[in-house]
Amino acid sequence: MNERLYKTMSRVGGGNVAIGIIVLVTGIVSGTILIVSGAKLLKRRYEILI
């Protein structure tokens, strides 16, 4: 019973680490995209005002 529990816990722990890495990378990428697109909007705002 203990060996089965140990294997289950190791799979769940590994899955949690993998999901955490995916969420971290996705957050960094989406944040970078938002910053770049916001900077482009601020840079070109004079075209809209004219």
C-alpha atoms as a PDB file:
ATOM      1  CA  MET A   1       0.000   0.000   0.000  1.00  0.00           C
ATOM      2  CA  ASN A   2       2.775   2.439   0.873  1.00  0.00           C
ATOM      3  CA  GLU A   3       4.566   1.814  -2.426  1.00  0.00           C
ATOM      4  CA  ARG A   4       1.388   2.554  -4.378  1.00  0.00           C
ATOM      5  CA  LEU A   5       0.847   5.757  -2.417  1.00  0.00           C
ATOM      6  CA  TYR A   6       4.477   6.767  -3.003  1.00  0.00           C
ATOM      7  CA  LYS A   7       4.156   6.264  -6.775  1.00  0.00           C
ATOM      8  CA  THR A   8       0.905   8.233  -6.891  1.00  0.00           C
ATOM      9  CA  MET A   9       2.400  11.099  -4.917  1.00  0.00           C
ATOM     10  CA  SER A  10       5.478  11.224  -7.150  1.00  0.00           C
ATOM     11  CA  ARG A  11       3.317  11.352 -10.304  1.00  0.00           C
ATOM     12  CA  VAL A  12       1.122  14.087  -8.881  1.00  0.00           C
ATOM     13  CA  GLY A  13       4.161  16.053  -7.697  1.00  0.00           C
ATOM     14  CA  GLY A  14       5.818  15.771 -11.107  1.00  0.00           C
ATOM     15  CA  GLY A  15       2.604  16.862 -12.805  1.00  0.00           C
ATOM     16  CA  ASN A  16       2.305  19.866 -10.520  1.00  0.00           C
ATOM     17  CA  VAL A  17       5.856  20.936 -11.294  1.00  0.00           C
ATOM     18  CA  ALA A  18       5.225  20.586 -15.040  1.00  0.00           C
ATOM     19  CA  ILE A  19       1.990  22.582 -14.874  1.00  0.00           C
ATOM     20  CA  GLY A  20       3.712  25.246 -12.778  1.00  0.00           C
ATOM     21  CA  ILE A  21       6.457  25.659 -15.365  1.00  0.00           C
ATOM     22  CA  ILE A  22       3.920  25.906 -18.181  1.00  0.00           C
ATOM     23  CA  VAL A  23       1.921  28.555 -16.310  1.00  0.00           C
ATOM     24  CA  LEU A  24       5.085  30.510 -15.515  1.00  0.00           C
ATOM     25  CA  VAL A  25       6.274  30.520 -19.130  1.00  0.00           C
ATOM     26  CA  THR A  26       2.813  31.442 -20.403  1.00  0.00           C
ATOM     27  CA  GLY A  27       2.627  34.345 -17.946  1.00  0.00           C
ATOM     28  CA  ILE A  28       6.032  35.674 -18.919  1.00  0.00           C
ATOM     29  CA  VAL A  29       5.279  35.434 -22.642  1.00  0.00           C
ATOM     30  CA  SER A  30       1.861  37.080 -22.375  1.00  0.00           C
ATOM     31  CA  GLY A  31       3.268  39.845 -20.159  1.00  0.00           C
ATOM     32  CA  THR A  32       6.022  40.556 -22.661  1.00  0.00           C
ATOM     33  CA  ILE A  33       3.532  40.693 -25.525  1.00  0.00           C
ATOM     34  CA  LEU A  34       1.323  43.110 -23.578  1.00  0.00           C
ATOM     35  CA  ILE A  35       4.246  45.397 -22.758  1.00  0.00           C
ATOM     36  CA  VAL A  36       5.454  45.457 -26.373  1.00  0.00           C
ATOM     37  CA  SER A  37       2.000  46.145 -27.810  1.00  0.00           C
ATOM     38  CA  GLY A  38       1.366  48.856 -25.221  1.00  0.00           C
ATOM     39  CA  ALA A  39       4.666  50.526 -26.066  1.00  0.00           C
ATOM     40  CA  LYS A  40       3.772  50.485 -29.765  1.00  0.00           C
ATOM     41  CA  LEU A  41       0.418  52.100 -29.014  1.00  0.00           C
ATOM     42  CA  LEU A  42       2.034  54.822 -26.931  1.00  0.00           C
ATOM     43  CA  LYS A  43       4.655  55.431 -29.609  1.00  0.00           C
ATOM     44  CA  ARG A  44       2.061  55.845 -32.366  1.00  0.00           C
ATOM     45  CA  ARG A  45      -0.578  57.767 -30.408  1.00  0.00           C
ATOM     46  CA  TYR A  46       0.428  61.060 -32.068  1.00  0.00           C
ATOM     47  CA  GLU A  47      -0.848  59.682 -35.384  1.00  0.00           C
ATOM     48  CA  ILE A  48      -4.271  59.239 -33.892  1.00  0.00           C
ATOM     49  CA  LEU A  49      -4.357  62.732 -32.421  1.00  0.00           C
ATOM     50  CA  ILE A  50      -3.444  64.470 -35.683  1.00  0.00           C
END
